[in-house]
Amino acid sequence: MNRIGFGLLCIMLVTASSNVMLQTADHSAFSEVFKTYSKQSEFGGRLFGELLVMVQKGETLQSLNDHVEELRKHLSDDESEDEKYFNEKQQEMEASFSGLATEVEELRVSVEQAASKIQVLNKQQTIIDGLFANDQQAYQKRVGDQNAILDVIGQLRRTQFD
């Protein structure tokens, strides 16, 4: 008997719940409940406006609930799409940063190689400058020696004719 009573109570609650959902929404109660919510965001304001139009047309609580569920589904889909988009953009940016890091490393190696080449060229220039200075000194010495020889020859000629 208790089971039958409990079963009947459940059936009555489900029926009452179904009947409530099939009732039209009370405009004043709806406005009172959603007034504050509608002022919290632009989305809340638009949702309030849509639902208010539905209430004014005499829609049932079930149709209002269905509309809200449809919006939730769209928002969930939008959120998934946004997440996918941001993940793709993040992967693109990470790939770009990785490429930039590789380029920076290549430039660092190029700079080191150029610095090494400059150092070798500077050493070679120092050697060339040293060789040129030595050649210059040797040339000046040879010219000096030739001038000394010419002076001696000139003095010898003068002494012969004197």
N, C-alpha and C. Protein backbone atom coordinates (compact mmCIF):
# COMPACT_ATOMS: atom_id res chain seq x y z
N MET A 1 0.81 -1.18 0.00
CA MET A 1 0.00 0.00 0.00
C MET A 1 0.87 1.25 0.00
N ASN A 2 1.92 1.22 0.82
CA ASN A 2 2.82 2.37 0.86
C ASN A 2 3.47 2.61 -0.51
N ARG A 3 3.82 1.50 -1.18
CA ARG A 3 4.45 1.63 -2.50
C ARG A 3 3.48 2.24 -3.51
N ILE A 4 2.26 1.83 -3.43
CA ILE A 4 1.25 2.36 -4.35
C ILE A 4 1.05 3.85 -4.07
N GLY A 5 1.01 4.22 -2.80
CA GLY A 5 0.85 5.62 -2.43
C GLY A 5 2.04 6.46 -2.89
N PHE A 6 3.22 5.89 -2.72
CA PHE A 6 4.43 6.60 -3.15
C PHE A 6 4.44 6.76 -4.67
N GLY A 7 4.04 5.70 -5.37
CA GLY A 7 3.98 5.75 -6.83
C GLY A 7 3.00 6.80 -7.31
N LEU A 8 1.83 6.83 -6.66
CA LEU A 8 0.83 7.84 -7.03
C LEU A 8 1.33 9.25 -6.75
N LEU A 9 2.03 9.41 -5.62
CA LEU A 9 2.59 10.72 -5.29
C LEU A 9 3.60 11.15 -6.36
N CYS A 10 4.45 10.22 -6.79
CA CYS A 10 5.43 10.55 -7.84
C CYS A 10 4.73 10.94 -9.13
N ILE A 11 3.70 10.19 -9.50
CA ILE A 11 2.96 10.50 -10.73
C ILE A 11 2.31 11.87 -10.62
N MET A 12 1.76 12.18 -9.44
CA MET A 12 1.13 13.49 -9.25
C MET A 12 2.17 14.62 -9.36
N LEU A 13 3.36 14.39 -8.78
CA LEU A 13 4.41 15.42 -8.85
C LEU A 13 4.89 15.63 -10.28
N VAL A 14 5.07 14.55 -11.01
CA VAL A 14 5.50 14.66 -12.41
C VAL A 14 4.43 15.37 -13.22
N THR A 15 3.19 15.02 -13.00
CA THR A 15 2.08 15.66 -13.72
C THR A 15 2.00 17.13 -13.35
N ALA A 16 2.13 17.43 -12.06
CA ALA A 16 2.08 18.82 -11.62
C ALA A 16 3.23 19.60 -12.21
N SER A 17 4.40 18.96 -12.23
CA SER A 17 5.57 19.61 -12.81
C SER A 17 5.34 19.88 -14.29
N SER A 18 4.79 18.88 -14.99
CA SER A 18 4.50 19.06 -16.42
C SER A 18 3.47 20.15 -16.62
N ASN A 19 2.45 20.15 -15.77
CA ASN A 19 1.41 21.17 -15.88
C ASN A 19 1.98 22.56 -15.62
N VAL A 20 2.89 22.67 -14.66
CA VAL A 20 3.50 23.97 -14.37
C VAL A 20 4.29 24.44 -15.59
N MET A 21 5.02 23.53 -16.21
CA MET A 21 5.83 23.90 -17.37
C MET A 21 4.96 24.30 -18.56
N LEU A 22 3.72 23.81 -18.59
CA LEU A 22 2.83 24.16 -19.70
C LEU A 22 2.06 25.44 -19.44
N GLN A 23 2.15 25.98 -18.23
CA GLN A 23 1.47 27.24 -17.92
C GLN A 23 2.21 28.39 -18.59
N THR A 24 1.47 29.46 -18.84
CA THR A 24 2.12 30.65 -19.39
C THR A 24 2.83 31.38 -18.26
N ALA A 25 3.88 32.09 -18.62
CA ALA A 25 4.67 32.80 -17.61
C ALA A 25 3.92 34.04 -17.14
N ASP A 26 4.03 34.33 -15.85
CA ASP A 26 3.42 35.52 -15.26
C ASP A 26 4.33 36.71 -15.55
N HIS A 27 3.81 37.68 -16.30
CA HIS A 27 4.61 38.83 -16.75
C HIS A 27 5.22 39.59 -15.58
N SER A 28 4.45 39.87 -14.55
CA SER A 28 4.97 40.67 -13.43
C SER A 28 6.02 39.89 -12.64
N ALA A 29 5.78 38.60 -12.43
CA ALA A 29 6.77 37.79 -11.71
C ALA A 29 8.06 37.68 -12.53
N PHE A 30 7.89 37.49 -13.82
CA PHE A 30 9.06 37.40 -14.70
C PHE A 30 9.87 38.69 -14.64
N SER A 31 9.19 39.81 -14.78
CA SER A 31 9.88 41.11 -14.76
C SER A 31 10.61 41.32 -13.45
N GLU A 32 9.98 40.96 -12.35
CA GLU A 32 10.59 41.16 -11.04
C GLU A 32 11.85 40.30 -10.89
N VAL A 33 11.77 39.05 -11.33
CA VAL A 33 12.91 38.13 -11.18
C VAL A 33 14.09 38.56 -12.05
N PHE A 34 13.83 38.96 -13.29
CA PHE A 34 14.91 39.22 -14.23
C PHE A 34 15.34 40.68 -14.32
N LYS A 35 14.67 41.57 -13.61
CA LYS A 35 14.99 43.00 -13.69
C LYS A 35 16.46 43.26 -13.33
N THR A 36 16.89 42.75 -12.20
CA THR A 36 18.28 42.96 -11.76
C THR A 36 19.25 42.27 -12.70
N TYR A 37 18.94 41.05 -13.10
CA TYR A 37 19.81 40.28 -13.99
C TYR A 37 20.01 41.01 -15.31
N SER A 38 18.96 41.62 -15.81
CA SER A 38 19.04 42.27 -17.12
C SER A 38 19.98 43.46 -17.11
N LYS A 39 20.22 44.05 -15.95
CA LYS A 39 21.08 45.24 -15.86
C LYS A 39 22.55 44.90 -15.64
N GLN A 40 22.86 43.62 -15.42
CA GLN A 40 24.23 43.23 -15.09
C GLN A 40 25.15 43.16 -16.30
N SER A 41 24.59 42.92 -17.47
CA SER A 41 25.45 42.83 -18.66
C SER A 41 24.62 43.09 -19.91
N GLU A 42 25.32 43.33 -20.98
CA GLU A 42 24.64 43.54 -22.26
C GLU A 42 23.90 42.26 -22.67
N PHE A 43 24.57 41.12 -22.47
CA PHE A 43 23.93 39.85 -22.80
C PHE A 43 22.67 39.64 -21.96
N GLY A 44 22.76 39.94 -20.66
CA GLY A 44 21.60 39.81 -19.78
C GLY A 44 20.45 40.68 -20.24
N GLY A 45 20.76 41.89 -20.68
CA GLY A 45 19.73 42.79 -21.19
C GLY A 45 19.06 42.25 -22.43
N ARG A 46 19.86 41.70 -23.35
CA ARG A 46 19.29 41.14 -24.58
C ARG A 46 18.46 39.90 -24.28
N LEU A 47 18.96 39.04 -23.39
CA LEU A 47 18.21 37.84 -23.03
C LEU A 47 16.88 38.23 -22.38
N PHE A 48 16.92 39.19 -21.47
CA PHE A 48 15.70 39.67 -20.82
C PHE A 48 14.72 40.17 -21.87
N GLY A 49 15.21 40.93 -22.84
CA GLY A 49 14.34 41.45 -23.90
C GLY A 49 13.70 40.34 -24.70
N GLU A 50 14.48 39.32 -25.08
CA GLU A 50 13.93 38.20 -25.86
C GLU A 50 12.88 37.45 -25.05
N LEU A 51 13.22 37.14 -23.80
CA LEU A 51 12.28 36.39 -22.97
C LEU A 51 11.03 37.21 -22.66
N LEU A 52 11.19 38.52 -22.48
CA LEU A 52 10.05 39.39 -22.20
C LEU A 52 9.07 39.38 -23.38
N VAL A 53 9.60 39.43 -24.59
CA VAL A 53 8.74 39.36 -25.78
C VAL A 53 7.99 38.03 -25.80
N MET A 54 8.69 36.95 -25.46
CA MET A 54 8.05 35.63 -25.44
C MET A 54 6.95 35.58 -24.38
N VAL A 55 7.21 36.15 -23.20
CA VAL A 55 6.21 36.18 -22.12
C VAL A 55 5.00 36.98 -22.57
N GLN A 56 5.24 38.12 -23.22
CA GLN A 56 4.13 38.97 -23.67
C GLN A 56 3.29 38.26 -24.73
N LYS A 57 3.91 37.34 -25.50
CA LYS A 57 3.16 36.58 -26.50
C LYS A 57 2.42 35.41 -25.88
N GLY A 58 2.64 35.18 -24.57
CA GLY A 58 1.92 34.10 -23.88
C GLY A 58 2.60 32.76 -23.98
N GLU A 59 3.90 32.75 -24.19
CA GLU A 59 4.64 31.49 -24.28
C GLU A 59 4.60 30.76 -22.94
N THR A 60 4.72 29.44 -23.00
CA THR A 60 4.72 28.63 -21.78
C THR A 60 6.10 28.65 -21.13
N LEU A 61 6.10 28.23 -19.86
CA LEU A 61 7.39 28.13 -19.16
C LEU A 61 8.30 27.14 -19.87
N GLN A 62 7.70 26.09 -20.45
CA GLN A 62 8.50 25.09 -21.16
C GLN A 62 9.18 25.72 -22.38
N SER A 63 8.46 26.55 -23.13
CA SER A 63 9.07 27.17 -24.32
C SER A 63 10.16 28.16 -23.90
N LEU A 64 9.94 28.87 -22.77
CA LEU A 64 11.00 29.76 -22.26
C LEU A 64 12.22 28.94 -21.86
N ASN A 65 11.97 27.82 -21.19
CA ASN A 65 13.06 26.95 -20.77
C ASN A 65 13.80 26.40 -21.99
N ASP A 66 13.05 25.97 -23.01
CA ASP A 66 13.66 25.46 -24.24
C ASP A 66 14.52 26.53 -24.91
N HIS A 67 14.02 27.76 -24.93
CA HIS A 67 14.76 28.87 -25.53
C HIS A 67 16.08 29.10 -24.78
N VAL A 68 16.00 29.11 -23.45
CA VAL A 68 17.21 29.31 -22.64
C VAL A 68 18.19 28.16 -22.87
N GLU A 69 17.69 26.93 -22.94
CA GLU A 69 18.56 25.77 -23.18
C GLU A 69 19.24 25.88 -24.55
N GLU A 70 18.49 26.34 -25.55
CA GLU A 70 19.07 26.52 -26.88
C GLU A 70 20.18 27.57 -26.84
N LEU A 71 19.94 28.66 -26.11
CA LEU A 71 20.97 29.69 -25.96
C LEU A 71 22.20 29.13 -25.25
N ARG A 72 21.97 28.32 -24.21
CA ARG A 72 23.10 27.70 -23.50
C ARG A 72 23.91 26.82 -24.43
N LYS A 73 23.21 26.08 -25.29
CA LYS A 73 23.91 25.21 -26.25
C LYS A 73 24.75 26.06 -27.20
N HIS A 74 24.16 27.15 -27.70
CA HIS A 74 24.91 28.04 -28.60
C HIS A 74 26.12 28.63 -27.89
N LEU A 75 25.92 29.06 -26.64
CA LEU A 75 27.04 29.62 -25.88
C LEU A 75 28.14 28.58 -25.67
N SER A 76 27.73 27.36 -25.38
CA SER A 76 28.70 26.28 -25.20
C SER A 76 29.46 26.03 -26.50
N ASP A 77 28.72 26.00 -27.62
CA ASP A 77 29.37 25.83 -28.93
C ASP A 77 30.32 26.98 -29.22
N ASP A 78 29.87 28.21 -28.94
CA ASP A 78 30.72 29.39 -29.15
C ASP A 78 31.97 29.31 -28.29
N GLU A 79 31.79 28.87 -27.05
CA GLU A 79 32.94 28.76 -26.15
C GLU A 79 33.93 27.72 -26.68
N SER A 80 33.41 26.60 -27.19
CA SER A 80 34.28 25.57 -27.77
C SER A 80 35.02 26.11 -28.98
N GLU A 81 34.30 26.83 -29.83
CA GLU A 81 34.93 27.41 -31.03
C GLU A 81 35.98 28.43 -30.64
N ASP A 82 35.65 29.27 -29.65
CA ASP A 82 36.62 30.27 -29.18
C ASP A 82 37.87 29.59 -28.62
N GLU A 83 37.66 28.54 -27.84
CA GLU A 83 38.79 27.82 -27.26
C GLU A 83 39.65 27.21 -28.36
N LYS A 84 39.00 26.63 -29.36
CA LYS A 84 39.72 26.04 -30.50
C LYS A 84 40.52 27.13 -31.23
N TYR A 85 39.88 28.27 -31.47
CA TYR A 85 40.53 29.39 -32.16
C TYR A 85 41.76 29.87 -31.37
N PHE A 86 41.57 30.07 -30.06
CA PHE A 86 42.68 30.56 -29.24
C PHE A 86 43.80 29.53 -29.15
N ASN A 87 43.46 28.25 -29.11
CA ASN A 87 44.50 27.21 -29.10
C ASN A 87 45.29 27.22 -30.40
N GLU A 88 44.58 27.38 -31.53
CA GLU A 88 45.27 27.45 -32.82
C GLU A 88 46.20 28.67 -32.88
N LYS A 89 45.68 29.83 -32.42
CA LYS A 89 46.51 31.04 -32.42
C LYS A 89 47.71 30.88 -31.50
N GLN A 90 47.51 30.23 -30.36
CA GLN A 90 48.62 30.02 -29.43
C GLN A 90 49.67 29.12 -30.07
N GLN A 91 49.23 28.07 -30.76
CA GLN A 91 50.18 27.19 -31.44
C GLN A 91 50.94 27.94 -32.53
N GLU A 92 50.23 28.80 -33.28
CA GLU A 92 50.89 29.59 -34.32
C GLU A 92 51.94 30.52 -33.70
N MET A 93 51.57 31.16 -32.59
CA MET A 93 52.51 32.08 -31.93
C MET A 93 53.71 31.32 -31.37
N GLU A 94 53.46 30.14 -30.78
CA GLU A 94 54.57 29.35 -30.26
C GLU A 94 55.49 28.92 -31.39
N ALA A 95 54.91 28.56 -32.54
CA ALA A 95 55.73 28.18 -33.69
C ALA A 95 56.54 29.39 -34.17
N SER A 96 55.91 30.57 -34.18
CA SER A 96 56.63 31.78 -34.58
C SER A 96 57.77 32.08 -33.62
N PHE A 97 57.50 31.96 -32.31
CA PHE A 97 58.54 32.20 -31.31
C PHE A 97 59.67 31.20 -31.46
N SER A 98 59.32 29.96 -31.75
CA SER A 98 60.34 28.93 -31.96
C SER A 98 61.19 29.29 -33.17
N GLY A 99 60.53 29.73 -34.24
CA GLY A 99 61.26 30.16 -35.45
C GLY A 99 62.15 31.35 -35.16
N LEU A 100 61.64 32.29 -34.37
CA LEU A 100 62.45 33.46 -34.01
C LEU A 100 63.65 33.06 -33.17
N ALA A 101 63.45 32.12 -32.25
CA ALA A 101 64.56 31.65 -31.42
C ALA A 101 65.63 31.01 -32.29
N THR A 102 65.21 30.25 -33.29
CA THR A 102 66.16 29.62 -34.21
C THR A 102 66.91 30.69 -34.99
N GLU A 103 66.19 31.70 -35.48
CA GLU A 103 66.84 32.79 -36.22
C GLU A 103 67.84 33.54 -35.35
N VAL A 104 67.45 33.80 -34.11
CA VAL A 104 68.35 34.51 -33.19
C VAL A 104 69.62 33.68 -32.97
N GLU A 105 69.46 32.38 -32.80
CA GLU A 105 70.63 31.51 -32.60
C GLU A 105 71.52 31.52 -33.85
N GLU A 106 70.90 31.47 -35.03
CA GLU A 106 71.68 31.52 -36.28
C GLU A 106 72.42 32.85 -36.40
N LEU A 107 71.76 33.95 -36.03
CA LEU A 107 72.41 35.26 -36.08
C LEU A 107 73.56 35.33 -35.08
N ARG A 108 73.38 34.74 -33.89
CA ARG A 108 74.44 34.73 -32.88
C ARG A 108 75.66 34.00 -33.42
N VAL A 109 75.44 32.85 -34.06
CA VAL A 109 76.54 32.07 -34.64
C VAL A 109 77.21 32.88 -35.74
N SER A 110 76.42 33.54 -36.59
CA SER A 110 76.98 34.37 -37.67
C SER A 110 77.83 35.50 -37.11
N VAL A 111 77.36 36.14 -36.05
CA VAL A 111 78.11 37.23 -35.43
C VAL A 111 79.43 36.70 -34.86
N GLU A 112 79.38 35.54 -34.22
CA GLU A 112 80.62 34.95 -33.68
C GLU A 112 81.60 34.64 -34.81
N GLN A 113 81.09 34.08 -35.91
CA GLN A 113 81.96 33.77 -37.05
C GLN A 113 82.55 35.04 -37.65
N ALA A 114 81.73 36.08 -37.78
CA ALA A 114 82.23 37.35 -38.32
C ALA A 114 83.28 37.95 -37.39
N ALA A 115 83.05 37.88 -36.09
CA ALA A 115 84.03 38.41 -35.13
C ALA A 115 85.34 37.64 -35.23
N SER A 116 85.24 36.33 -35.40
CA SER A 116 86.45 35.50 -35.55
C SER A 116 87.20 35.88 -36.82
N LYS A 117 86.47 36.07 -37.92
CA LYS A 117 87.11 36.46 -39.19
C LYS A 117 87.77 37.83 -39.05
N ILE A 118 87.09 38.76 -38.38
CA ILE A 118 87.67 40.10 -38.17
C ILE A 118 88.95 40.00 -37.37
N GLN A 119 88.94 39.14 -36.36
CA GLN A 119 90.14 38.96 -35.53
C GLN A 119 91.30 38.42 -36.37
N VAL A 120 91.02 37.43 -37.22
CA VAL A 120 92.06 36.88 -38.10
C VAL A 120 92.57 37.95 -39.05
N LEU A 121 91.64 38.73 -39.64
CA LEU A 121 92.05 39.79 -40.56
C LEU A 121 92.89 40.85 -39.85
N ASN A 122 92.54 41.19 -38.62
CA ASN A 122 93.34 42.15 -37.86
C ASN A 122 94.75 41.63 -37.60
N LYS A 123 94.87 40.33 -37.29
CA LYS A 123 96.20 39.74 -37.09
C LYS A 123 97.00 39.78 -38.39
N GLN A 124 96.33 39.45 -39.50
CA GLN A 124 97.01 39.48 -40.80
C GLN A 124 97.45 40.90 -41.13
N GLN A 125 96.61 41.88 -40.84
CA GLN A 125 96.96 43.27 -41.09
C GLN A 125 98.17 43.68 -40.27
N THR A 126 98.21 43.24 -39.02
CA THR A 126 99.36 43.54 -38.16
C THR A 126 100.63 42.94 -38.74
N ILE A 127 100.54 41.70 -39.23
CA ILE A 127 101.71 41.05 -39.84
C ILE A 127 102.14 41.81 -41.08
N ILE A 128 101.17 42.17 -41.94
CA ILE A 128 101.49 42.91 -43.17
C ILE A 128 102.12 44.25 -42.83
N ASP A 129 101.54 44.95 -41.84
CA ASP A 129 102.13 46.23 -41.42
C ASP A 129 103.56 46.05 -40.94
N GLY A 130 103.79 44.96 -40.19
CA GLY A 130 105.16 44.68 -39.71
C GLY A 130 106.11 44.40 -40.86
N LEU A 131 105.64 43.60 -41.81
CA LEU A 131 106.50 43.29 -42.97
C LEU A 131 106.78 44.55 -43.78
N PHE A 132 105.75 45.36 -43.98
CA PHE A 132 105.95 46.59 -44.74
C PHE A 132 106.93 47.51 -44.01
N ALA A 133 106.76 47.60 -42.70
CA ALA A 133 107.68 48.45 -41.92
C ALA A 133 109.10 47.92 -42.04
N ASN A 134 109.26 46.59 -41.97
CA ASN A 134 110.60 46.01 -42.11
C ASN A 134 111.15 46.28 -43.50
N ASP A 135 110.31 46.09 -44.54
CA ASP A 135 110.75 46.36 -45.90
C ASP A 135 111.11 47.83 -46.07
N GLN A 136 110.32 48.69 -45.49
CA GLN A 136 110.57 50.12 -45.58
C GLN A 136 111.91 50.46 -44.94
N GLN A 137 112.14 49.87 -43.78
CA GLN A 137 113.42 50.13 -43.10
C GLN A 137 114.58 49.58 -43.92
N ALA A 138 114.39 48.36 -44.49
CA ALA A 138 115.46 47.78 -45.31
C ALA A 138 115.70 48.64 -46.55
N TYR A 139 114.62 49.12 -47.16
CA TYR A 139 114.76 49.98 -48.33
C TYR A 139 115.50 51.27 -47.98
N GLN A 140 115.10 51.86 -46.88
CA GLN A 140 115.77 53.10 -46.45
C GLN A 140 117.25 52.85 -46.16
N LYS A 141 117.54 51.69 -45.56
CA LYS A 141 118.94 51.36 -45.26
C LYS A 141 119.71 51.18 -46.57
N ARG A 142 119.09 50.46 -47.55
CA ARG A 142 119.76 50.26 -48.83
C ARG A 142 120.01 51.57 -49.54
N VAL A 143 118.98 52.44 -49.54
CA VAL A 143 119.16 53.76 -50.17
C VAL A 143 120.25 54.53 -49.44
N GLY A 144 120.24 54.44 -48.12
CA GLY A 144 121.29 55.12 -47.33
C GLY A 144 122.66 54.56 -47.66
N ASP A 145 122.74 53.23 -47.76
CA ASP A 145 124.02 52.59 -48.10
C ASP A 145 124.47 53.01 -49.50
N GLN A 146 123.51 53.04 -50.46
CA GLN A 146 123.86 53.45 -51.82
C GLN A 146 124.35 54.89 -51.83
N ASN A 147 123.67 55.74 -51.07
CA ASN A 147 124.10 57.14 -51.00
C ASN A 147 125.50 57.24 -50.38
N ALA A 148 125.75 56.42 -49.37
CA ALA A 148 127.08 56.44 -48.75
C ALA A 148 128.13 55.98 -49.74
N ILE A 149 127.80 54.93 -50.52
CA ILE A 149 128.75 54.44 -51.54
C ILE A 149 129.00 55.51 -52.58
N LEU A 150 127.91 56.17 -53.03
CA LEU A 150 128.07 57.24 -54.02
C LEU A 150 128.92 58.38 -53.46
N ASP A 151 128.74 58.70 -52.19
CA ASP A 151 129.57 59.75 -51.56
C ASP A 151 131.04 59.33 -51.54
N VAL A 152 131.27 58.08 -51.20
CA VAL A 152 132.66 57.60 -51.14
C VAL A 152 133.27 57.64 -52.53
N ILE A 153 132.49 57.19 -53.54
CA ILE A 153 132.99 57.23 -54.92
C ILE A 153 133.26 58.67 -55.33
N GLY A 154 132.33 59.54 -54.98
CA GLY A 154 132.52 60.96 -55.31
C GLY A 154 133.76 61.51 -54.64
N GLN A 155 134.03 61.14 -53.42
CA GLN A 155 135.23 61.62 -52.71
C GLN A 155 136.48 61.03 -53.33
N LEU A 156 136.40 59.77 -53.75
CA LEU A 156 137.56 59.15 -54.38
C LEU A 156 137.86 59.83 -55.70
N ARG A 157 136.93 60.18 -56.45
CA ARG A 157 137.15 60.86 -57.72
C ARG A 157 137.77 62.23 -57.47
N ARG A 158 137.28 62.88 -56.49
CA ARG A 158 137.83 64.20 -56.22
C ARG A 158 139.28 64.08 -55.75
N THR A 159 139.52 63.07 -54.99
CA THR A 159 140.89 62.93 -54.51
C THR A 159 141.82 62.52 -55.63
N GLN A 160 141.35 61.84 -56.63
CA GLN A 160 142.19 61.47 -57.75
C GLN A 160 142.51 62.70 -58.59
N PHE A 161 141.59 63.54 -58.73
CA PHE A 161 141.80 64.72 -59.56
C PHE A 161 142.46 65.83 -58.77
N ASP A 162 142.62 65.71 -57.59
CA ASP A 162 143.24 66.77 -56.79
C ASP A 162 144.67 66.60 -56.68
